[in-house]
């Protein structure tokens, strides 16, 4: 009887592990009822909004304040210790990283602080194009972020599609340059041409995932143009 009980327990354990292995990954895009794709994500009342200390990019006349959230129990979305306090972002090589709800800007010598956007977004990177500014005097920022709850789980996180945005160093003219429902893969600055190149992937088979069956798209932006917009090109 004892051996029989052990045998049954082993069968149940194997079955549980098999089910876990066969559990399908959550889709990054859900297409049903697409009219609700861009609805507002409900406010998370368990989160408290805070700002990091300001960042100043060399050669600019603006301070940038990263805005993020921490849990009301002080345990998630931020690191905390007695020396550093709350931290919602990291900074290095002219790039701010984190999971940020917004950025705020202040011109040096003025009191007004204003927000980058009134959209519900989750900013992962904000990069100052320092070499472009040195060469052309045009000061620009590039952002990778989520701006839609594409998997419809009522929150913005890194499981939603990432998009590409640009603005000037003052946070003005904040503009989306990638296409809705296309996942940003990467971007690269070509200084010799003052152009920003980037790639996206489109879920062409509409299975909710991005895989080898889907289509890649290639774009560039002429950073010297007055109106920054993407142009698709076909290298293959």
C-alpha atoms as a PDB file:
ATOM      1  CA  UNK A   1       0.000   0.000   0.000  1.00  0.00           C
ATOM      2  CA  UNK A   2       2.836   2.330   0.862  1.00  0.00           C
ATOM      3  CA  UNK A   3       4.541   1.673  -2.491  1.00  0.00           C
ATOM      4  CA  UNK A   4       1.237   2.245  -4.297  1.00  0.00           C
ATOM      5  CA  UNK A   5       0.834   5.640  -2.614  1.00  0.00           C
ATOM      6  CA  UNK A   6       4.372   6.631  -3.597  1.00  0.00           C
ATOM      7  CA  UNK A   7       3.657   5.526  -7.173  1.00  0.00           C
ATOM      8  CA  UNK A   8       0.514   7.666  -7.361  1.00  0.00           C
ATOM      9  CA  UNK A   9       2.412  10.679  -5.977  1.00  0.00           C
ATOM     10  CA  UNK A  10       5.119  10.255  -8.623  1.00  0.00           C
ATOM     11  CA  UNK A  11       2.531  10.096 -11.406  1.00  0.00           C
ATOM     12  CA  UNK A  12       0.860  13.276 -10.154  1.00  0.00           C
ATOM     13  CA  UNK A  13       4.216  15.061  -9.886  1.00  0.00           C
ATOM     14  CA  UNK A  14       5.203  14.107 -13.443  1.00  0.00           C
ATOM     15  CA  UNK A  15       1.794  15.192 -14.734  1.00  0.00           C
ATOM     16  CA  UNK A  16       2.121  18.582 -12.972  1.00  0.00           C
ATOM     17  CA  UNK A  17       5.608  19.172 -14.405  1.00  0.00           C
ATOM     18  CA  UNK A  18       4.419  18.197 -17.898  1.00  0.00           C
ATOM     19  CA  UNK A  19       1.525  20.645 -17.686  1.00  0.00           C
ATOM     20  CA  UNK A  20       3.875  23.411 -16.551  1.00  0.00           C
ATOM     21  CA  UNK A  21       6.215  22.721 -19.493  1.00  0.00           C
ATOM     22  CA  UNK A  22       3.333  22.706 -21.977  1.00  0.00           C
ATOM     23  CA  UNK A  23       1.862  25.945 -20.634  1.00  0.00           C
ATOM     24  CA  UNK A  24       1.855  28.371 -23.542  1.00  0.00           C
ATOM     25  CA  UNK A  25       3.623  31.708 -23.113  1.00  0.00           C
ATOM     26  CA  UNK A  26       1.359  34.704 -22.777  1.00  0.00           C
ATOM     27  CA  UNK A  27       0.888  36.507 -26.110  1.00  0.00           C
ATOM     28  CA  UNK A  28       2.357  39.983 -26.477  1.00  0.00           C
ATOM     29  CA  UNK A  29      -0.624  41.108 -28.555  1.00  0.00           C
ATOM     30  CA  UNK A  30      -4.278  40.147 -28.164  1.00  0.00           C
ATOM     31  CA  UNK A  31      -6.394  41.069 -31.189  1.00  0.00           C
ATOM     32  CA  UNK A  32      -9.910  40.291 -29.977  1.00  0.00           C
ATOM     33  CA  UNK A  33     -12.062  43.395 -29.552  1.00  0.00           C
ATOM     34  CA  UNK A  34      -9.384  45.689 -31.018  1.00  0.00           C
ATOM     35  CA  UNK A  35     -11.584  48.709 -30.295  1.00  0.00           C
ATOM     36  CA  UNK A  36     -10.433  48.439 -26.667  1.00  0.00           C
ATOM     37  CA  UNK A  37      -6.718  48.135 -27.397  1.00  0.00           C
ATOM     38  CA  UNK A  38      -5.952  51.775 -26.616  1.00  0.00           C
ATOM     39  CA  UNK A  39      -8.184  52.181 -23.567  1.00  0.00           C
ATOM     40  CA  UNK A  40      -6.774  53.734 -20.430  1.00  0.00           C
ATOM     41  CA  UNK A  41      -4.923  51.408 -18.094  1.00  0.00           C
ATOM     42  CA  UNK A  42      -6.598  51.530 -14.648  1.00  0.00           C
ATOM     43  CA  UNK A  43      -4.683  53.520 -12.050  1.00  0.00           C
ATOM     44  CA  UNK A  44      -2.748  51.337  -9.611  1.00  0.00           C
ATOM     45  CA  UNK A  45      -3.565  52.811  -6.220  1.00  0.00           C
ATOM     46  CA  UNK A  46      -0.924  50.647  -4.524  1.00  0.00           C
ATOM     47  CA  UNK A  47       1.836  52.678  -6.203  1.00  0.00           C
ATOM     48  CA  UNK A  48       3.334  55.985  -5.057  1.00  0.00           C
ATOM     49  CA  UNK A  49       4.833  58.337  -7.647  1.00  0.00           C
ATOM     50  CA  UNK A  50       8.309  59.689  -6.876  1.00  0.00           C
ATOM     51  CA  UNK A  51      11.046  61.574  -8.736  1.00  0.00           C
ATOM     52  CA  UNK A  52      14.764  60.903  -8.805  1.00  0.00           C
ATOM     53  CA  UNK A  53      17.162  63.802  -8.371  1.00  0.00           C
ATOM     54  CA  UNK A  54      17.627  65.769 -11.612  1.00  0.00           C
ATOM     55  CA  UNK A  55      20.026  64.801 -14.392  1.00  0.00           C
ATOM     56  CA  UNK A  56      21.928  67.316 -16.482  1.00  0.00           C
ATOM     57  CA  UNK A  57      23.238  66.331 -19.916  1.00  0.00           C
ATOM     58  CA  UNK A  58      26.528  68.082 -20.713  1.00  0.00           C
ATOM     59  CA  UNK A  59      26.139  70.991 -23.104  1.00  0.00           C
ATOM     60  CA  UNK A  60      22.400  71.392 -22.574  1.00  0.00           C
ATOM     61  CA  UNK A  61      20.368  73.990 -20.718  1.00  0.00           C
ATOM     62  CA  UNK A  62      17.837  71.609 -19.150  1.00  0.00           C
ATOM     63  CA  UNK A  63      17.457  69.410 -16.097  1.00  0.00           C
ATOM     64  CA  UNK A  64      15.627  66.088 -16.484  1.00  0.00           C
ATOM     65  CA  UNK A  65      13.709  64.494 -13.599  1.00  0.00           C
ATOM     66  CA  UNK A  66      12.976  60.738 -13.963  1.00  0.00           C
ATOM     67  CA  UNK A  67       9.511  59.911 -12.608  1.00  0.00           C
ATOM     68  CA  UNK A  68       8.687  56.408 -11.414  1.00  0.00           C
ATOM     69  CA  UNK A  69       6.637  54.577  -8.834  1.00  0.00           C
ATOM     70  CA  UNK A  70       7.311  52.544  -5.725  1.00  0.00           C
ATOM     71  CA  UNK A  71       4.959  50.192  -3.972  1.00  0.00           C
ATOM     72  CA  UNK A  72       3.221  51.495  -0.912  1.00  0.00           C
ATOM     73  CA  UNK A  73       4.961  48.682   0.985  1.00  0.00           C
ATOM     74  CA  UNK A  74       8.359  49.932  -0.318  1.00  0.00           C
ATOM     75  CA  UNK A  75       9.254  46.581  -1.817  1.00  0.00           C
ATOM     76  CA  UNK A  76       8.834  46.738  -5.594  1.00  0.00           C
ATOM     77  CA  UNK A  77       9.728  48.932  -8.584  1.00  0.00           C
ATOM     78  CA  UNK A  78      12.491  50.627  -6.652  1.00  0.00           C
ATOM     79  CA  UNK A  79      15.584  49.835  -4.668  1.00  0.00           C
ATOM     80  CA  UNK A  80      15.872  51.133  -1.149  1.00  0.00           C
ATOM     81  CA  UNK A  81      18.679  51.297   1.371  1.00  0.00           C
ATOM     82  CA  UNK A  82      19.857  53.736   4.026  1.00  0.00           C
ATOM     83  CA  UNK A  83      22.464  55.320   1.751  1.00  0.00           C
ATOM     84  CA  UNK A  84      20.719  55.809  -1.588  1.00  0.00           C
ATOM     85  CA  UNK A  85      17.063  56.028  -0.621  1.00  0.00           C
ATOM     86  CA  UNK A  86      14.510  55.405  -3.364  1.00  0.00           C
ATOM     87  CA  UNK A  87      15.884  55.038  -6.878  1.00  0.00           C
ATOM     88  CA  UNK A  88      13.706  54.559  -9.971  1.00  0.00           C
ATOM     89  CA  UNK A  89      16.317  55.131 -12.708  1.00  0.00           C
ATOM     90  CA  UNK A  90      19.952  54.690 -13.676  1.00  0.00           C
ATOM     91  CA  UNK A  91      22.086  57.074 -15.708  1.00  0.00           C
ATOM     92  CA  UNK A  92      25.188  56.562 -17.789  1.00  0.00           C
ATOM     93  CA  UNK A  93      26.600  57.437 -21.228  1.00  0.00           C
ATOM     94  CA  UNK A  94      23.881  60.035 -21.865  1.00  0.00           C
ATOM     95  CA  UNK A  95      21.153  57.440 -21.313  1.00  0.00           C
ATOM     96  CA  UNK A  96      18.500  57.179 -18.599  1.00  0.00           C
ATOM     97  CA  UNK A  97      17.162  53.658 -17.995  1.00  0.00           C
ATOM     98  CA  UNK A  98      14.433  52.216 -15.799  1.00  0.00           C
ATOM     99  CA  UNK A  99      10.697  51.593 -15.827  1.00  0.00           C
ATOM    100  CA  UNK A 100       9.532  55.193 -15.754  1.00  0.00           C
ATOM    101  CA  UNK A 101       6.044  56.685 -15.910  1.00  0.00           C
ATOM    102  CA  UNK A 102       7.308  60.017 -17.228  1.00  0.00           C
ATOM    103  CA  UNK A 103      10.163  62.507 -17.418  1.00  0.00           C
ATOM    104  CA  UNK A 104       9.939  66.112 -16.307  1.00  0.00           C
ATOM    105  CA  UNK A 105      12.024  68.972 -17.646  1.00  0.00           C
ATOM    106  CA  UNK A 106      13.190  72.314 -16.275  1.00  0.00           C
ATOM    107  CA  UNK A 107      15.118  74.969 -18.135  1.00  0.00           C
ATOM    108  CA  UNK A 108      18.100  76.118 -16.094  1.00  0.00           C
ATOM    109  CA  UNK A 109      17.392  79.557 -14.624  1.00  0.00           C
ATOM    110  CA  UNK A 110      13.621  79.067 -14.641  1.00  0.00           C
ATOM    111  CA  UNK A 111      11.232  77.687 -12.029  1.00  0.00           C
ATOM    112  CA  UNK A 112       8.714  75.897 -14.251  1.00  0.00           C
ATOM    113  CA  UNK A 113       8.856  72.092 -14.341  1.00  0.00           C
ATOM    114  CA  UNK A 114       6.755  70.392 -17.019  1.00  0.00           C
ATOM    115  CA  UNK A 115       6.081  66.819 -18.133  1.00  0.00           C
ATOM    116  CA  UNK A 116       7.236  65.055 -21.274  1.00  0.00           C
ATOM    117  CA  UNK A 117       3.788  63.614 -21.995  1.00  0.00           C
ATOM    118  CA  UNK A 118       0.277  63.283 -20.630  1.00  0.00           C
ATOM    119  CA  UNK A 119       0.018  59.807 -22.186  1.00  0.00           C
ATOM    120  CA  UNK A 120       0.117  56.647 -20.103  1.00  0.00           C
ATOM    121  CA  UNK A 121       3.567  55.250 -20.987  1.00  0.00           C
ATOM    122  CA  UNK A 122       6.333  53.098 -19.540  1.00  0.00           C
ATOM    123  CA  UNK A 123       9.740  54.468 -20.543  1.00  0.00           C
ATOM    124  CA  UNK A 124      12.632  51.972 -20.583  1.00  0.00           C
ATOM    125  CA  UNK A 125      15.353  54.154 -22.116  1.00  0.00           C
ATOM    126  CA  UNK A 126      15.775  57.871 -22.818  1.00  0.00           C
ATOM    127  CA  UNK A 127      18.954  58.682 -24.755  1.00  0.00           C
ATOM    128  CA  UNK A 128      20.489  62.060 -25.541  1.00  0.00           C
ATOM    129  CA  UNK A 129      22.127  62.111 -28.991  1.00  0.00           C
ATOM    130  CA  UNK A 130      25.227  63.959 -27.796  1.00  0.00           C
ATOM    131  CA  UNK A 131      27.348  63.364 -30.914  1.00  0.00           C
ATOM    132  CA  UNK A 132      24.555  64.705 -33.145  1.00  0.00           C
ATOM    133  CA  UNK A 133      24.257  67.804 -30.953  1.00  0.00           C
ATOM    134  CA  UNK A 134      28.022  68.395 -31.103  1.00  0.00           C
ATOM    135  CA  UNK A 135      28.020  68.107 -34.880  1.00  0.00           C
ATOM    136  CA  UNK A 136      24.770  69.822 -35.863  1.00  0.00           C
ATOM    137  CA  UNK A 137      23.781  71.828 -32.725  1.00  0.00           C
ATOM    138  CA  UNK A 138      20.433  70.001 -32.868  1.00  0.00           C
ATOM    139  CA  UNK A 139      19.734  68.535 -29.412  1.00  0.00           C
ATOM    140  CA  UNK A 140      17.495  65.464 -29.512  1.00  0.00           C
ATOM    141  CA  UNK A 141      16.302  62.667 -27.244  1.00  0.00           C
ATOM    142  CA  UNK A 142      15.317  59.132 -28.321  1.00  0.00           C
ATOM    143  CA  UNK A 143      12.987  56.950 -26.229  1.00  0.00           C
ATOM    144  CA  UNK A 144      12.056  53.267 -26.187  1.00  0.00           C
ATOM    145  CA  UNK A 145       8.787  52.743 -24.336  1.00  0.00           C
ATOM    146  CA  UNK A 146       5.445  50.978 -24.112  1.00  0.00           C
ATOM    147  CA  UNK A 147       2.467  53.172 -24.927  1.00  0.00           C
ATOM    148  CA  UNK A 148      -0.380  50.638 -25.291  1.00  0.00           C
ATOM    149  CA  UNK A 149      -1.626  47.707 -23.242  1.00  0.00           C
ATOM    150  CA  UNK A 150      -1.219  45.378 -26.222  1.00  0.00           C
ATOM    151  CA  UNK A 151      -1.691  42.144 -24.244  1.00  0.00           C
ATOM    152  CA  UNK A 152      -4.745  43.557 -22.446  1.00  0.00           C
ATOM    153  CA  UNK A 153      -3.748  42.641 -18.905  1.00  0.00           C
ATOM    154  CA  UNK A 154      -4.731  46.117 -17.625  1.00  0.00           C
ATOM    155  CA  UNK A 155      -1.156  47.278 -17.054  1.00  0.00           C
ATOM    156  CA  UNK A 156       1.811  48.629 -18.966  1.00  0.00           C
ATOM    157  CA  UNK A 157       4.976  46.582 -18.531  1.00  0.00           C
ATOM    158  CA  UNK A 158       7.783  44.981 -20.530  1.00  0.00           C
ATOM    159  CA  UNK A 159       5.323  42.372 -21.828  1.00  0.00           C
ATOM    160  CA  UNK A 160       3.730  45.054 -24.019  1.00  0.00           C
ATOM    161  CA  UNK A 161       5.065  46.168 -27.387  1.00  0.00           C
ATOM    162  CA  UNK A 162       7.936  48.666 -27.278  1.00  0.00           C
ATOM    163  CA  UNK A 163       7.806  51.727 -29.531  1.00  0.00           C
ATOM    164  CA  UNK A 164      10.281  54.418 -30.589  1.00  0.00           C
ATOM    165  CA  UNK A 165       9.752  58.124 -29.857  1.00  0.00           C
ATOM    166  CA  UNK A 166      11.828  61.282 -30.304  1.00  0.00           C
ATOM    167  CA  UNK A 167      11.746  64.778 -28.802  1.00  0.00           C
ATOM    168  CA  UNK A 168      14.002  67.780 -28.495  1.00  0.00           C
ATOM    169  CA  UNK A 169      16.180  68.176 -25.388  1.00  0.00           C
ATOM    170  CA  UNK A 170      13.479  70.304 -23.755  1.00  0.00           C
ATOM    171  CA  UNK A 171      11.013  67.411 -23.957  1.00  0.00           C
ATOM    172  CA  UNK A 172       9.000  69.259 -26.597  1.00  0.00           C
ATOM    173  CA  UNK A 173       7.717  67.790 -29.878  1.00  0.00           C
ATOM    174  CA  UNK A 174       7.418  64.325 -28.341  1.00  0.00           C
ATOM    175  CA  UNK A 175       6.637  62.199 -31.406  1.00  0.00           C
ATOM    176  CA  UNK A 176       6.114  58.517 -32.121  1.00  0.00           C
ATOM    177  CA  UNK A 177       8.200  57.422 -35.113  1.00  0.00           C
ATOM    178  CA  UNK A 178       7.557  53.664 -35.102  1.00  0.00           C
ATOM    179  CA  UNK A 179       4.330  52.034 -36.262  1.00  0.00           C
ATOM    180  CA  UNK A 180       1.558  50.865 -33.940  1.00  0.00           C
ATOM    181  CA  UNK A 181       1.686  47.125 -33.170  1.00  0.00           C
ATOM    182  CA  UNK A 182       5.232  46.774 -34.518  1.00  0.00           C
ATOM    183  CA  UNK A 183       7.775  45.790 -31.853  1.00  0.00           C
ATOM    184  CA  UNK A 184      10.964  47.864 -31.739  1.00  0.00           C
ATOM    185  CA  UNK A 185      14.004  45.569 -32.103  1.00  0.00           C
ATOM    186  CA  UNK A 186      16.844  48.081 -31.968  1.00  0.00           C
ATOM    187  CA  UNK A 187      18.052  51.457 -33.208  1.00  0.00           C
ATOM    188  CA  UNK A 188      21.388  52.929 -34.238  1.00  0.00           C
ATOM    189  CA  UNK A 189      22.731  56.408 -34.904  1.00  0.00           C
ATOM    190  CA  UNK A 190      24.815  56.862 -38.079  1.00  0.00           C
ATOM    191  CA  UNK A 191      26.717  60.058 -37.350  1.00  0.00           C
ATOM    192  CA  UNK A 192      28.178  60.422 -40.851  1.00  0.00           C
ATOM    193  CA  UNK A 193      24.670  60.873 -42.281  1.00  0.00           C
ATOM    194  CA  UNK A 194      22.971  62.395 -39.216  1.00  0.00           C
ATOM    195  CA  UNK A 195      20.392  59.648 -39.521  1.00  0.00           C
ATOM    196  CA  UNK A 196      18.784  57.329 -36.999  1.00  0.00           C
ATOM    197  CA  UNK A 197      18.134  53.793 -38.210  1.00  0.00           C
ATOM    198  CA  UNK A 198      15.831  51.303 -36.508  1.00  0.00           C
ATOM    199  CA  UNK A 199      14.171  47.934 -37.025  1.00  0.00           C
ATOM    200  CA  UNK A 200      10.750  46.642 -36.027  1.00  0.00           C
ATOM    201  CA  UNK A 201       8.943  43.336 -36.333  1.00  0.00           C
ATOM    202  CA  UNK A 202       5.292  42.934 -37.323  1.00  0.00           C
ATOM    203  CA  UNK A 203       3.143  40.027 -36.157  1.00  0.00           C
ATOM    204  CA  UNK A 204       2.036  39.234 -39.697  1.00  0.00           C
ATOM    205  CA  UNK A 205       0.595  35.800 -38.865  1.00  0.00           C
ATOM    206  CA  UNK A 206      -1.415  37.352 -35.996  1.00  0.00           C
ATOM    207  CA  UNK A 207      -0.544  34.659 -33.452  1.00  0.00           C
ATOM    208  CA  UNK A 208       0.203  37.219 -30.747  1.00  0.00           C
ATOM    209  CA  UNK A 209       3.942  36.473 -30.701  1.00  0.00           C
ATOM    210  CA  UNK A 210       6.954  37.760 -32.617  1.00  0.00           C
ATOM    211  CA  UNK A 211       8.831  34.929 -34.304  1.00  0.00           C
ATOM    212  CA  UNK A 212      10.695  33.930 -37.467  1.00  0.00           C
ATOM    213  CA  UNK A 213       7.427  33.702 -39.397  1.00  0.00           C
ATOM    214  CA  UNK A 214       6.850  37.449 -38.989  1.00  0.00           C
ATOM    215  CA  UNK A 215       8.063  40.380 -41.102  1.00  0.00           C
ATOM    216  CA  UNK A 216      10.920  42.733 -40.300  1.00  0.00           C
ATOM    217  CA  UNK A 217      10.687  46.417 -41.220  1.00  0.00           C
ATOM    218  CA  UNK A 218      13.582  48.837 -41.636  1.00  0.00           C
ATOM    219  CA  UNK A 219      13.375  52.617 -41.179  1.00  0.00           C
ATOM    220  CA  UNK A 220      15.552  55.716 -40.999  1.00  0.00           C
ATOM    221  CA  UNK A 221      14.983  59.259 -39.761  1.00  0.00           C
ATOM    222  CA  UNK A 222      16.845  62.250 -41.138  1.00  0.00           C
ATOM    223  CA  UNK A 223      17.698  64.118 -37.944  1.00  0.00           C
ATOM    224  CA  UNK A 224      18.361  67.349 -39.834  1.00  0.00           C
ATOM    225  CA  UNK A 225      14.770  67.588 -41.064  1.00  0.00           C
ATOM    226  CA  UNK A 226      12.555  70.122 -39.332  1.00  0.00           C
ATOM    227  CA  UNK A 227       9.802  67.519 -38.943  1.00  0.00           C
ATOM    228  CA  UNK A 228      11.212  64.201 -37.749  1.00  0.00           C
ATOM    229  CA  UNK A 229       9.482  61.259 -39.384  1.00  0.00           C
ATOM    230  CA  UNK A 230      10.471  57.723 -40.324  1.00  0.00           C
ATOM    231  CA  UNK A 231      11.014  56.501 -43.865  1.00  0.00           C
ATOM    232  CA  UNK A 232      10.888  52.781 -44.614  1.00  0.00           C
ATOM    233  CA  UNK A 233      13.642  51.263 -46.736  1.00  0.00           C
ATOM    234  CA  UNK A 234      14.241  47.706 -47.973  1.00  0.00           C
ATOM    235  CA  UNK A 235      17.836  46.476 -47.598  1.00  0.00           C
ATOM    236  CA  UNK A 236      16.808  42.896 -48.528  1.00  0.00           C
END
